[in-house]
Amino acid sequence: MPASRERQNTSDHAPKRGVRGRWVPGASPNPGGRPAGMAEVRDLARSYTAIAIEKLAHLVQHAKSEQASIAAASALLDRGWGRPTQPIAGDDDMPAIGINGTAVATLTAEERAGLVTSIAESLKGAS
């Protein structure tokens, strides 16, 4: 191990837990953060994107089982168009709430604040 890099995430570096077993405020169970190698692995995996898409497209057309073809088609659609919005339902009397992360990310700060206020008001009115 290089001298410039001390070991972290060892028992002597780990912050102590509180009385109820929870982390004390300001403490982290992972003080060293994510390992630097994770970014390298992510970048390497992303470098195979074009090859993986080609392989999935090939499987959609030529897979021996229908199940493999459907799985490949689903993977292609998820990567190309994103996964469908997942509804969130509080109870049977309330309609589902759909949140699309991509759409929310394109909103301005004021629009996001308005959306949050609108959702909060509709939830208050329903209770």
Protein backbone atom coordinates (compact mmCIF):
# COMPACT_ATOMS: atom_id res chain seq x y z
CA MET A 1 0.00 0.00 0.00
CA PRO A 2 1.45 3.41 -0.92
CA ALA A 3 2.63 5.52 1.98
CA SER A 4 0.57 8.49 0.80
CA ARG A 5 -2.62 6.59 1.33
CA GLU A 6 -3.57 5.53 4.82
CA ARG A 7 -5.93 2.68 5.43
CA GLN A 8 -9.43 3.75 6.20
CA ASN A 9 -12.61 1.91 7.07
CA THR A 10 -10.86 -0.17 9.70
CA SER A 11 -12.22 -0.77 13.19
CA ASP A 12 -9.93 1.88 14.70
CA HIS A 13 -11.14 4.47 12.16
CA ALA A 14 -14.82 3.56 12.29
CA PRO A 15 -16.97 6.00 14.22
CA LYS A 16 -18.76 4.70 17.24
CA ARG A 17 -22.45 4.05 17.34
CA GLY A 18 -24.86 5.69 19.73
CA VAL A 19 -26.78 4.07 22.56
CA ARG A 20 -29.45 2.62 20.28
CA GLY A 21 -26.95 1.31 17.75
CA ARG A 22 -27.36 4.18 15.31
CA TRP A 23 -24.48 6.19 13.93
CA VAL A 24 -23.74 9.29 15.98
CA PRO A 25 -24.48 12.60 14.18
CA GLY A 26 -21.74 13.63 11.79
CA ALA A 27 -20.26 10.13 11.69
CA SER A 28 -20.06 7.95 8.61
CA PRO A 29 -19.96 4.18 8.40
CA ASN A 30 -17.68 4.63 5.38
CA PRO A 31 -15.27 7.50 6.12
CA GLY A 32 -13.04 6.63 3.16
CA GLY A 33 -15.89 7.06 0.68
CA ARG A 34 -16.19 4.98 -2.43
CA PRO A 35 -13.02 3.28 -3.58
CA ALA A 36 -11.32 5.01 -6.53
CA GLY A 37 -11.38 1.77 -8.49
CA MET A 38 -15.17 1.89 -8.79
CA ALA A 39 -15.00 4.79 -11.25
CA GLU A 40 -12.52 2.84 -13.36
CA VAL A 41 -14.80 -0.21 -13.40
CA ARG A 42 -17.80 1.97 -14.37
CA ASP A 43 -15.84 3.63 -17.17
CA LEU A 44 -14.58 0.28 -18.46
CA ALA A 45 -18.11 -1.14 -18.45
CA ARG A 46 -19.42 1.92 -20.29
CA SER A 47 -16.77 1.48 -22.98
CA TYR A 48 -18.60 -1.72 -24.00
CA THR A 49 -21.96 0.03 -24.48
CA ALA A 50 -21.99 -0.13 -28.29
CA ILE A 51 -20.96 -3.80 -28.35
CA ALA A 52 -23.56 -4.68 -25.71
CA ILE A 53 -26.32 -2.88 -27.60
CA GLU A 54 -25.35 -4.71 -30.81
CA LYS A 55 -25.43 -8.04 -28.97
CA LEU A 56 -28.84 -7.27 -27.46
CA ALA A 57 -30.17 -6.30 -30.89
CA HIS A 58 -28.82 -9.56 -32.32
CA LEU A 59 -30.49 -11.55 -29.51
CA VAL A 60 -33.82 -9.80 -30.10
CA GLN A 61 -33.79 -11.11 -33.68
CA HIS A 62 -31.97 -14.44 -33.35
CA ALA A 63 -32.36 -15.80 -29.81
CA LYS A 64 -33.30 -19.48 -29.66
CA SER A 65 -35.81 -18.92 -26.88
CA GLU A 66 -38.61 -16.40 -26.81
CA GLN A 67 -37.74 -15.61 -23.18
CA ALA A 68 -34.20 -14.55 -24.14
CA SER A 69 -35.53 -12.45 -26.99
CA ILE A 70 -38.00 -10.66 -24.70
CA ALA A 71 -35.33 -10.04 -22.07
CA ALA A 72 -33.00 -8.55 -24.69
CA ALA A 73 -35.77 -6.38 -26.12
CA SER A 74 -36.67 -5.15 -22.65
CA ALA A 75 -33.04 -4.32 -21.90
CA LEU A 76 -32.75 -2.39 -25.18
CA LEU A 77 -35.91 -0.40 -24.52
CA ASP A 78 -34.86 0.38 -20.93
CA ARG A 79 -31.52 1.71 -22.12
CA GLY A 80 -32.94 3.64 -25.02
CA TRP A 81 -36.07 5.11 -23.44
CA GLY A 82 -35.61 4.61 -19.70
CA ARG A 83 -37.77 2.49 -17.47
CA PRO A 84 -41.47 3.25 -17.24
CA THR A 85 -42.65 5.59 -14.50
CA GLN A 86 -43.39 3.64 -11.35
CA PRO A 87 -46.62 4.69 -9.65
CA ILE A 88 -46.55 5.29 -5.92
CA ALA A 89 -49.81 4.66 -4.08
CA GLY A 90 -50.43 5.57 -0.47
CA ASP A 91 -53.65 3.65 0.02
CA ASP A 92 -56.58 2.21 -1.89
CA ASP A 93 -58.62 5.44 -1.64
CA MET A 94 -55.92 7.58 -3.26
CA PRO A 95 -54.90 7.57 -6.92
CA ALA A 96 -51.36 6.54 -7.79
CA ILE A 97 -48.71 9.26 -7.97
CA GLY A 98 -46.26 8.94 -10.88
CA ILE A 99 -42.83 10.54 -10.61
CA ASN A 100 -40.48 10.58 -13.57
CA GLY A 101 -36.94 11.48 -12.46
CA THR A 102 -35.92 12.69 -15.91
CA ALA A 103 -38.85 15.09 -16.14
CA VAL A 104 -38.27 16.44 -12.64
CA ALA A 105 -34.57 16.97 -13.38
CA THR A 106 -35.44 19.34 -16.24
CA LEU A 107 -37.54 21.61 -14.00
CA THR A 108 -36.19 24.88 -12.64
CA ALA A 109 -35.78 25.28 -8.87
CA GLU A 110 -39.00 27.35 -8.74
CA GLU A 111 -40.93 24.74 -10.73
CA ARG A 112 -39.68 21.95 -8.44
CA ALA A 113 -40.70 23.96 -5.36
CA GLY A 114 -44.14 24.51 -6.90
CA LEU A 115 -44.47 20.80 -7.65
CA VAL A 116 -43.56 19.86 -4.07
CA THR A 117 -46.04 22.42 -2.72
CA SER A 118 -48.76 21.13 -5.03
CA ILE A 119 -48.19 17.52 -3.97
CA ALA A 120 -48.15 18.49 -0.29
CA GLU A 121 -51.42 20.44 -0.65
CA SER A 122 -53.13 17.58 -2.48
CA LEU A 123 -52.03 15.15 0.23
CA LYS A 124 -53.33 17.47 2.97
CA GLY A 125 -56.65 17.82 1.18
CA ALA A 126 -57.02 14.05 0.88
CA SER A 127 -56.52 13.36 4.57
